[in-house]
PDB file of N, CA and C in Angstrom:
ATOM      1  N   UNK A   1     -58.745 -36.062  81.305  1.00  0.00           N
ATOM      2  CA  UNK A   1     -57.553 -36.683  80.737  1.00  0.00           C
ATOM      3  C   UNK A   1     -57.650 -38.132  80.823  1.00  0.00           C
ATOM      4  N   UNK A   2     -57.240 -38.733  79.679  1.00  0.00           N
ATOM      5  CA  UNK A   2     -57.280 -40.006  79.478  1.00  0.00           C
ATOM      6  C   UNK A   2     -55.976 -40.804  80.196  1.00  0.00           C
ATOM      7  N   UNK A   3     -56.198 -42.075  80.618  1.00  0.00           N
ATOM      8  CA  UNK A   3     -55.333 -42.860  81.112  1.00  0.00           C
ATOM      9  C   UNK A   3     -55.443 -44.238  80.450  1.00  0.00           C
ATOM     10  N   UNK A   4     -54.146 -44.854  79.785  1.00  0.00           N
ATOM     11  CA  UNK A   4     -54.137 -46.032  79.139  1.00  0.00           C
ATOM     12  C   UNK A   4     -54.059 -47.165  79.916  1.00  0.00           C
ATOM     13  N   UNK A   5     -54.862 -48.173  79.843  1.00  0.00           N
ATOM     14  CA  UNK A   5     -54.843 -49.155  80.845  1.00  0.00           C
ATOM     15  C   UNK A   5     -55.095 -50.603  80.192  1.00  0.00           C
ATOM     16  N   UNK A   6     -54.975 -51.568  81.060  1.00  0.00           N
ATOM     17  CA  UNK A   6     -55.194 -52.899  80.361  1.00  0.00           C
ATOM     18  C   UNK A   6     -55.997 -53.619  81.462  1.00  0.00           C
ATOM     19  N   UNK A   7     -56.868 -54.425  80.952  1.00  0.00           N
ATOM     20  CA  UNK A   7     -57.794 -55.457  82.037  1.00  0.00           C
ATOM     21  C   UNK A   7     -56.872 -56.229  82.719  1.00  0.00           C
ATOM     22  N   UNK A   8     -57.296 -56.626  84.003  1.00  0.00           N
ATOM     23  CA  UNK A   8     -56.908 -57.751  84.648  1.00  0.00           C
ATOM     24  C   UNK A   8     -57.757 -58.867  84.597  1.00  0.00           C
ATOM     25  N   UNK A   9     -57.658 -59.773  83.751  1.00  0.00           N
ATOM     26  CA  UNK A   9     -58.751 -60.886  83.514  1.00  0.00           C
ATOM     27  C   UNK A   9     -58.708 -61.830  84.641  1.00  0.00           C
ATOM     28  N   UNK A  10     -59.763 -62.395  84.986  1.00  0.00           N
ATOM     29  CA  UNK A  10     -59.992 -63.415  86.029  1.00  0.00           C
ATOM     30  C   UNK A  10     -59.957 -62.918  87.541  1.00  0.00           C
ATOM     31  N   UNK A  11     -60.469 -61.712  87.527  1.00  0.00           N
ATOM     32  CA  UNK A  11     -60.553 -61.123  88.823  1.00  0.00           C
ATOM     33  C   UNK A  11     -62.009 -60.972  89.343  1.00  0.00           C
ATOM     34  N   UNK A  12     -63.079 -61.477  88.517  1.00  0.00           N
ATOM     35  CA  UNK A  12     -64.340 -61.173  89.038  1.00  0.00           C
ATOM     36  C   UNK A  12     -64.894 -61.804  90.176  1.00  0.00           C
ATOM     37  N   UNK A  13     -64.132 -62.905  90.656  1.00  0.00           N
ATOM     38  CA  UNK A  13     -64.579 -63.544  91.943  1.00  0.00           C
ATOM     39  C   UNK A  13     -64.212 -62.782  93.274  1.00  0.00           C
ATOM     40  N   UNK A  14     -63.395 -61.796  93.078  1.00  0.00           N
ATOM     41  CA  UNK A  14     -62.914 -60.943  94.232  1.00  0.00           C
ATOM     42  C   UNK A  14     -63.808 -59.659  94.480  1.00  0.00           C
ATOM     43  N   UNK A  15     -64.625 -59.682  95.264  1.00  0.00           N
ATOM     44  CA  UNK A  15     -65.514 -58.694  95.754  1.00  0.00           C
ATOM     45  C   UNK A  15     -65.018 -57.923  96.946  1.00  0.00           C
ATOM     46  N   UNK A  16     -65.282 -56.521  97.084  1.00  0.00           N
ATOM     47  CA  UNK A  16     -64.978 -55.742  98.106  1.00  0.00           C
ATOM     48  C   UNK A  16     -65.964 -55.940  99.158  1.00  0.00           C
ATOM     49  N   UNK A  17     -65.414 -56.623 100.404  1.00  0.00           N
ATOM     50  CA  UNK A  17     -66.237 -57.023 101.369  1.00  0.00           C
ATOM     51  C   UNK A  17     -67.162 -55.879 102.120  1.00  0.00           C
ATOM     52  N   UNK A  18     -66.584 -54.707 102.013  1.00  0.00           N
ATOM     53  CA  UNK A  18     -67.413 -53.464 102.776  1.00  0.00           C
ATOM     54  C   UNK A  18     -68.335 -52.854 101.788  1.00  0.00           C
ATOM     55  N   UNK A  19     -67.991 -52.706 100.372  1.00  0.00           N
ATOM     56  CA  UNK A  19     -68.861 -52.059  99.660  1.00  0.00           C
ATOM     57  C   UNK A  19     -69.899 -52.996  98.749  1.00  0.00           C
ATOM     58  N   UNK A  20     -69.481 -54.301  98.778  1.00  0.00           N
ATOM     59  CA  UNK A  20     -70.390 -55.279  98.168  1.00  0.00           C
ATOM     60  C   UNK A  20     -70.066 -55.510  96.668  1.00  0.00           C
ATOM     61  N   UNK A  21     -69.735 -54.419  95.954  1.00  0.00           N
ATOM     62  CA  UNK A  21     -69.293 -54.756  94.469  1.00  0.00           C
ATOM     63  C   UNK A  21     -68.139 -53.663  94.459  1.00  0.00           C
ATOM     64  N   UNK A  22     -67.265 -54.087  93.166  1.00  0.00           N
ATOM     65  CA  UNK A  22     -66.293 -53.048  92.825  1.00  0.00           C
ATOM     66  C   UNK A  22     -66.849 -51.730  92.288  1.00  0.00           C
ATOM     67  N   UNK A  23     -67.905 -51.756  91.694  1.00  0.00           N
ATOM     68  CA  UNK A  23     -68.640 -50.550  91.172  1.00  0.00           C
ATOM     69  C   UNK A  23     -68.840 -49.640  92.288  1.00  0.00           C
ATOM     70  N   UNK A  24     -69.536 -50.231  93.319  1.00  0.00           N
ATOM     71  CA  UNK A  24     -69.847 -49.360  94.493  1.00  0.00           C
ATOM     72  C   UNK A  24     -68.510 -48.758  95.157  1.00  0.00           C
ATOM     73  N   UNK A  25     -67.574 -49.698  95.081  1.00  0.00           N
ATOM     74  CA  UNK A  25     -66.207 -49.313  95.779  1.00  0.00           C
ATOM     75  C   UNK A  25     -65.608 -48.160  94.915  1.00  0.00           C
ATOM     76  N   UNK A  26     -65.660 -48.195  93.637  1.00  0.00           N
ATOM     77  CA  UNK A  26     -65.327 -46.915  92.885  1.00  0.00           C
ATOM     78  C   UNK A  26     -66.096 -45.831  93.216  1.00  0.00           C
ATOM     79  N   UNK A  27     -67.391 -45.835  93.200  1.00  0.00           N
ATOM     80  CA  UNK A  27     -68.201 -44.739  93.592  1.00  0.00           C
ATOM     81  C   UNK A  27     -67.851 -44.251  94.957  1.00  0.00           C
ATOM     82  N   UNK A  28     -67.656 -45.014  95.924  1.00  0.00           N
ATOM     83  CA  UNK A  28     -67.302 -44.611  97.291  1.00  0.00           C
ATOM     84  C   UNK A  28     -65.887 -43.615  97.145  1.00  0.00           C
ATOM     85  N   UNK A  29     -64.908 -44.389  96.575  1.00  0.00           N
ATOM     86  CA  UNK A  29     -63.604 -43.627  96.652  1.00  0.00           C
ATOM     87  C   UNK A  29     -63.469 -42.516  95.733  1.00  0.00           C
ATOM     88  N   UNK A  30     -64.152 -42.573  94.398  1.00  0.00           N
ATOM     89  CA  UNK A  30     -64.116 -41.340  93.592  1.00  0.00           C
ATOM     90  C   UNK A  30     -65.047 -40.261  93.907  1.00  0.00           C
ATOM     91  N   UNK A  31     -66.158 -40.516  94.579  1.00  0.00           N
ATOM     92  CA  UNK A  31     -67.136 -39.622  94.920  1.00  0.00           C
ATOM     93  C   UNK A  31     -68.110 -39.264  93.773  1.00  0.00           C
ATOM     94  N   UNK A  32     -68.038 -40.253  92.801  1.00  0.00           N
ATOM     95  CA  UNK A  32     -69.000 -39.918  91.560  1.00  0.00           C
ATOM     96  C   UNK A  32     -69.868 -41.100  91.502  1.00  0.00           C
ATOM     97  N   UNK A  33     -70.762 -41.011  90.558  1.00  0.00           N
ATOM     98  CA  UNK A  33     -71.743 -41.916  90.316  1.00  0.00           C
ATOM     99  C   UNK A  33     -71.271 -42.699  89.033  1.00  0.00           C
ATOM    100  N   UNK A  34     -71.335 -44.129  88.959  1.00  0.00           N
ATOM    101  CA  UNK A  34     -70.717 -44.768  87.847  1.00  0.00           C
ATOM    102  C   UNK A  34     -71.774 -45.135  86.708  1.00  0.00           C
ATOM    103  N   UNK A  35     -72.191 -44.049  85.996  1.00  0.00           N
ATOM    104  CA  UNK A  35     -73.309 -44.144  85.137  1.00  0.00           C
ATOM    105  C   UNK A  35     -72.788 -44.765  83.731  1.00  0.00           C
ATOM    106  N   UNK A  36     -71.709 -44.208  83.284  1.00  0.00           N
ATOM    107  CA  UNK A  36     -71.173 -44.615  81.970  1.00  0.00           C
ATOM    108  C   UNK A  36     -69.813 -45.285  82.171  1.00  0.00           C
ATOM    109  N   UNK A  37     -69.634 -46.249  81.037  1.00  0.00           N
ATOM    110  CA  UNK A  37     -68.397 -46.898  81.014  1.00  0.00           C
ATOM    111  C   UNK A  37     -67.267 -45.932  80.599  1.00  0.00           C
ATOM    112  N   UNK A  38     -66.225 -46.095  81.202  1.00  0.00           N
ATOM    113  CA  UNK A  38     -65.142 -45.030  81.130  1.00  0.00           C
ATOM    114  C   UNK A  38     -64.423 -45.077  79.908  1.00  0.00           C
ATOM    115  N   UNK A  39     -64.685 -46.160  79.039  1.00  0.00           N
ATOM    116  CA  UNK A  39     -63.946 -46.357  77.856  1.00  0.00           C
ATOM    117  C   UNK A  39     -65.038 -45.971  76.601  1.00  0.00           C
ATOM    118  N   UNK A  40     -66.238 -46.368  76.593  1.00  0.00           N
ATOM    119  CA  UNK A  40     -66.982 -46.053  75.422  1.00  0.00           C
ATOM    120  C   UNK A  40     -68.254 -45.323  75.804  1.00  0.00           C
ATOM    121  N   UNK A  41     -68.405 -45.015  76.939  1.00  0.00           N
ATOM    122  CA  UNK A  41     -69.732 -44.296  77.298  1.00  0.00           C
ATOM    123  C   UNK A  41     -71.124 -45.196  77.374  1.00  0.00           C
ATOM    124  N   UNK A  42     -71.107 -46.343  77.070  1.00  0.00           N
ATOM    125  CA  UNK A  42     -72.216 -47.262  77.332  1.00  0.00           C
ATOM    126  C   UNK A  42     -72.505 -47.384  78.852  1.00  0.00           C
ATOM    127  N   UNK A  43     -73.727 -47.907  79.339  1.00  0.00           N
ATOM    128  CA  UNK A  43     -73.932 -48.123  80.696  1.00  0.00           C
ATOM    129  C   UNK A  43     -72.770 -48.980  81.282  1.00  0.00           C
ATOM    130  N   UNK A  44     -72.179 -48.342  82.555  1.00  0.00           N
ATOM    131  CA  UNK A  44     -71.296 -49.167  83.295  1.00  0.00           C
ATOM    132  C   UNK A  44     -71.971 -50.140  83.964  1.00  0.00           C
ATOM    133  N   UNK A  45     -71.436 -51.358  84.005  1.00  0.00           N
ATOM    134  CA  UNK A  45     -72.132 -52.483  84.544  1.00  0.00           C
ATOM    135  C   UNK A  45     -71.142 -53.227  85.596  1.00  0.00           C
ATOM    136  N   UNK A  46     -69.923 -53.020  85.587  1.00  0.00           N
ATOM    137  CA  UNK A  46     -69.027 -53.494  86.531  1.00  0.00           C
ATOM    138  C   UNK A  46     -67.989 -52.564  86.822  1.00  0.00           C
ATOM    139  N   UNK A  47     -67.235 -52.712  88.131  1.00  0.00           N
ATOM    140  CA  UNK A  47     -65.972 -52.076  88.469  1.00  0.00           C
ATOM    141  C   UNK A  47     -64.892 -52.978  87.976  1.00  0.00           C
ATOM    142  N   UNK A  48     -64.331 -52.657  86.982  1.00  0.00           N
ATOM    143  CA  UNK A  48     -63.320 -53.423  86.484  1.00  0.00           C
ATOM    144  C   UNK A  48     -61.873 -53.389  86.981  1.00  0.00           C
ATOM    145  N   UNK A  49     -61.182 -54.231  87.310  1.00  0.00           N
ATOM    146  CA  UNK A  49     -59.749 -54.304  87.645  1.00  0.00           C
ATOM    147  C   UNK A  49     -58.869 -54.111  86.452  1.00  0.00           C
ATOM    148  N   UNK A  50     -58.143 -52.964  86.600  1.00  0.00           N
ATOM    149  CA  UNK A  50     -57.239 -52.506  85.401  1.00  0.00           C
ATOM    150  C   UNK A  50     -55.851 -52.262  86.032  1.00  0.00           C
ATOM    151  N   UNK A  51     -54.786 -52.195  85.015  1.00  0.00           N
ATOM    152  CA  UNK A  51     -53.633 -51.709  85.432  1.00  0.00           C
ATOM    153  C   UNK A  51     -53.183 -50.693  84.498  1.00  0.00           C
ATOM    154  N   UNK A  52     -52.377 -49.786  84.825  1.00  0.00           N
ATOM    155  CA  UNK A  52     -51.812 -48.608  83.969  1.00  0.00           C
ATOM    156  C   UNK A  52     -51.032 -49.307  82.911  1.00  0.00           C
ATOM    157  N   UNK A  53     -51.290 -49.001  81.613  1.00  0.00           N
ATOM    158  CA  UNK A  53     -50.430 -49.643  80.520  1.00  0.00           C
ATOM    159  C   UNK A  53     -48.982 -49.363  80.418  1.00  0.00           C
ATOM    160  N   UNK A  54     -48.851 -48.039  80.494  1.00  0.00           N
ATOM    161  CA  UNK A  54     -47.577 -47.515  80.363  1.00  0.00           C
ATOM    162  C   UNK A  54     -46.760 -47.001  81.522  1.00  0.00           C
ATOM    163  N   UNK A  55     -46.730 -48.111  82.371  1.00  0.00           N
ATOM    164  CA  UNK A  55     -46.161 -47.647  83.663  1.00  0.00           C
ATOM    165  C   UNK A  55     -45.497 -48.941  84.456  1.00  0.00           C
ATOM    166  N   UNK A  56     -44.531 -48.688  85.047  1.00  0.00           N
ATOM    167  CA  UNK A  56     -43.965 -49.667  85.997  1.00  0.00           C
ATOM    168  C   UNK A  56     -44.688 -49.971  87.209  1.00  0.00           C
ATOM    169  N   UNK A  57     -45.549 -49.082  87.296  1.00  0.00           N
ATOM    170  CA  UNK A  57     -46.656 -49.308  88.467  1.00  0.00           C
ATOM    171  C   UNK A  57     -47.501 -50.579  88.281  1.00  0.00           C
ATOM    172  N   UNK A  58     -47.352 -51.547  89.254  1.00  0.00           N
ATOM    173  CA  UNK A  58     -48.007 -52.784  89.087  1.00  0.00           C
ATOM    174  C   UNK A  58     -49.303 -52.901  89.958  1.00  0.00           C
ATOM    175  N   UNK A  59     -49.800 -51.764  90.488  1.00  0.00           N
ATOM    176  CA  UNK A  59     -50.935 -51.699  91.225  1.00  0.00           C
ATOM    177  C   UNK A  59     -52.185 -51.774  90.530  1.00  0.00           C
ATOM    178  N   UNK A  60     -53.133 -52.617  91.252  1.00  0.00           N
ATOM    179  CA  UNK A  60     -54.575 -52.780  90.511  1.00  0.00           C
ATOM    180  C   UNK A  60     -55.299 -51.541  90.751  1.00  0.00           C
ATOM    181  N   UNK A  61     -56.266 -51.179  89.873  1.00  0.00           N
ATOM    182  CA  UNK A  61     -57.164 -50.092  90.023  1.00  0.00           C
ATOM    183  C   UNK A  61     -58.531 -50.535  89.527  1.00  0.00           C
ATOM    184  N   UNK A  62     -59.475 -49.857  90.029  1.00  0.00           N
ATOM    185  CA  UNK A  62     -60.820 -49.941  89.536  1.00  0.00           C
ATOM    186  C   UNK A  62     -61.415 -48.753  88.726  1.00  0.00           C
ATOM    187  N   UNK A  63     -62.210 -49.262  87.536  1.00  0.00           N
ATOM    188  CA  UNK A  63     -62.720 -48.316  86.744  1.00  0.00           C
ATOM    189  C   UNK A  63     -63.985 -48.822  86.389  1.00  0.00           C
ATOM    190  N   UNK A  64     -65.129 -47.926  86.207  1.00  0.00           N
ATOM    191  CA  UNK A  64     -66.491 -48.409  85.728  1.00  0.00           C
ATOM    192  C   UNK A  64     -66.255 -48.740  84.221  1.00  0.00           C
ATOM    193  N   UNK A  65     -66.614 -49.906  83.880  1.00  0.00           N
ATOM    194  CA  UNK A  65     -66.773 -50.324  82.295  1.00  0.00           C
ATOM    195  C   UNK A  65     -68.079 -51.155  82.123  1.00  0.00           C
ATOM    196  N   UNK A  66     -68.519 -51.184  80.860  1.00  0.00           N
ATOM    197  CA  UNK A  66     -69.516 -51.918  80.370  1.00  0.00           C
ATOM    198  C   UNK A  66     -69.081 -53.422  80.327  1.00  0.00           C
ATOM    199  N   UNK A  67     -69.871 -54.293  80.227  1.00  0.00           N
ATOM    200  CA  UNK A  67     -69.561 -55.780  79.902  1.00  0.00           C
ATOM    201  C   UNK A  67     -68.610 -56.000  78.716  1.00  0.00           C
ATOM    202  N   UNK A  68     -68.995 -55.338  77.712  1.00  0.00           N
ATOM    203  CA  UNK A  68     -67.924 -55.523  76.523  1.00  0.00           C
ATOM    204  C   UNK A  68     -66.512 -55.099  76.518  1.00  0.00           C
ATOM    205  N   UNK A  69     -66.459 -53.850  77.179  1.00  0.00           N
ATOM    206  CA  UNK A  69     -65.089 -53.233  77.423  1.00  0.00           C
ATOM    207  C   UNK A  69     -64.427 -54.140  78.451  1.00  0.00           C
ATOM    208  N   UNK A  70     -65.242 -54.717  79.521  1.00  0.00           N
ATOM    209  CA  UNK A  70     -64.642 -55.440  80.503  1.00  0.00           C
ATOM    210  C   UNK A  70     -64.064 -56.896  79.919  1.00  0.00           C
ATOM    211  N   UNK A  71     -64.676 -57.047  78.700  1.00  0.00           N
ATOM    212  CA  UNK A  71     -64.251 -58.392  78.181  1.00  0.00           C
ATOM    213  C   UNK A  71     -63.037 -58.401  77.367  1.00  0.00           C
ATOM    214  N   UNK A  72     -62.379 -57.243  77.271  1.00  0.00           N
ATOM    215  CA  UNK A  72     -61.151 -57.064  76.531  1.00  0.00           C
ATOM    216  C   UNK A  72     -60.114 -57.913  77.177  1.00  0.00           C
ATOM    217  N   UNK A  73     -59.159 -58.313  76.288  1.00  0.00           N
ATOM    218  CA  UNK A  73     -58.138 -59.053  76.836  1.00  0.00           C
ATOM    219  C   UNK A  73     -57.094 -58.407  77.599  1.00  0.00           C
ATOM    220  N   UNK A  74     -56.190 -59.116  78.540  1.00  0.00           N
ATOM    221  CA  UNK A  74     -55.394 -58.314  79.195  1.00  0.00           C
ATOM    222  C   UNK A  74     -54.071 -57.862  78.560  1.00  0.00           C
ATOM    223  N   UNK A  75     -54.008 -57.975  77.190  1.00  0.00           N
ATOM    224  CA  UNK A  75     -53.045 -57.688  76.328  1.00  0.00           C
ATOM    225  C   UNK A  75     -53.455 -56.306  75.421  1.00  0.00           C
ATOM    226  N   UNK A  76     -54.763 -56.079  75.400  1.00  0.00           N
ATOM    227  CA  UNK A  76     -55.267 -54.879  74.780  1.00  0.00           C
ATOM    228  C   UNK A  76     -55.206 -53.640  75.555  1.00  0.00           C
ATOM    229  N   UNK A  77     -54.622 -52.642  75.197  1.00  0.00           N
ATOM    230  CA  UNK A  77     -54.455 -51.388  75.894  1.00  0.00           C
ATOM    231  C   UNK A  77     -55.603 -50.545  75.269  1.00  0.00           C
ATOM    232  N   UNK A  78     -56.352 -49.762  76.248  1.00  0.00           N
ATOM    233  CA  UNK A  78     -57.370 -48.881  75.735  1.00  0.00           C
ATOM    234  C   UNK A  78     -57.412 -47.703  76.860  1.00  0.00           C
ATOM    235  N   UNK A  79     -57.925 -46.595  76.429  1.00  0.00           N
ATOM    236  CA  UNK A  79     -58.128 -45.401  77.143  1.00  0.00           C
ATOM    237  C   UNK A  79     -59.328 -45.222  77.900  1.00  0.00           C
ATOM    238  N   UNK A  80     -59.282 -44.798  79.237  1.00  0.00           N
ATOM    239  CA  UNK A  80     -60.458 -44.713  79.926  1.00  0.00           C
ATOM    240  C   UNK A  80     -60.410 -43.085  80.588  1.00  0.00           C
ATOM    241  N   UNK A  81     -61.547 -42.503  80.437  1.00  0.00           N
ATOM    242  CA  UNK A  81     -61.701 -41.139  80.906  1.00  0.00           C
ATOM    243  C   UNK A  81     -62.294 -41.036  82.246  1.00  0.00           C
ATOM    244  N   UNK A  82     -61.844 -41.713  83.281  1.00  0.00           N
ATOM    245  CA  UNK A  82     -62.537 -41.490  84.560  1.00  0.00           C
ATOM    246  C   UNK A  82     -61.328 -41.688  85.569  1.00  0.00           C
ATOM    247  N   UNK A  83     -61.602 -41.321  86.825  1.00  0.00           N
ATOM    248  CA  UNK A  83     -60.710 -41.552  87.801  1.00  0.00           C
ATOM    249  C   UNK A  83     -60.477 -42.921  88.172  1.00  0.00           C
ATOM    250  N   UNK A  84     -59.347 -43.382  88.246  1.00  0.00           N
ATOM    251  CA  UNK A  84     -59.055 -44.687  88.588  1.00  0.00           C
ATOM    252  C   UNK A  84     -59.099 -44.652  90.193  1.00  0.00           C
ATOM    253  N   UNK A  85     -59.731 -45.659  90.691  1.00  0.00           N
ATOM    254  CA  UNK A  85     -59.905 -45.754  92.003  1.00  0.00           C
ATOM    255  C   UNK A  85     -58.838 -47.002  92.512  1.00  0.00           C
ATOM    256  N   UNK A  86     -58.273 -46.937  93.650  1.00  0.00           N
ATOM    257  CA  UNK A  86     -57.410 -48.065  94.068  1.00  0.00           C
ATOM    258  C   UNK A  86     -58.248 -49.214  94.312  1.00  0.00           C
ATOM    259  N   UNK A  87     -57.789 -50.466  93.988  1.00  0.00           N
ATOM    260  CA  UNK A  87     -58.472 -51.706  94.066  1.00  0.00           C
ATOM    261  C   UNK A  87     -58.099 -52.258  95.419  1.00  0.00           C
ATOM    262  N   UNK A  88     -57.411 -51.315  96.485  1.00  0.00           N
ATOM    263  CA  UNK A  88     -57.156 -51.864  97.759  1.00  0.00           C
ATOM    264  C   UNK A  88     -58.607 -51.929  98.554  1.00  0.00           C
ATOM    265  N   UNK A  89     -58.876 -53.017  99.087  1.00  0.00           N
ATOM    266  CA  UNK A  89     -60.069 -53.110  99.810  1.00  0.00           C
ATOM    267  C   UNK A  89     -60.249 -52.019 100.978  1.00  0.00           C
ATOM    268  N   UNK A  90     -61.355 -51.479 100.989  1.00  0.00           N
ATOM    269  CA  UNK A  90     -61.447 -50.312 101.864  1.00  0.00           C
ATOM    270  C   UNK A  90     -62.088 -50.960 103.376  1.00  0.00           C
TER     271      UNK A  90
END
């Protein structure tokens, strides 16, 4: 099932202190391996901070993305086909 999201730009300096990276954080919380970008199926290189696009929910989520998809603006909505993991530090 797809979820429409928007990137949260300017969050790359925030790392999960227990997991080391947000990509590892996503793997830990989802129980999956982050092999592919959740948007375009290229190699996932980052655990990207996103928000659900069509929701009043302002929570931050993590999803595996490639560098190109992670570079989308915060106004561009796109679908991801992966489990969204909470961006709350574990």
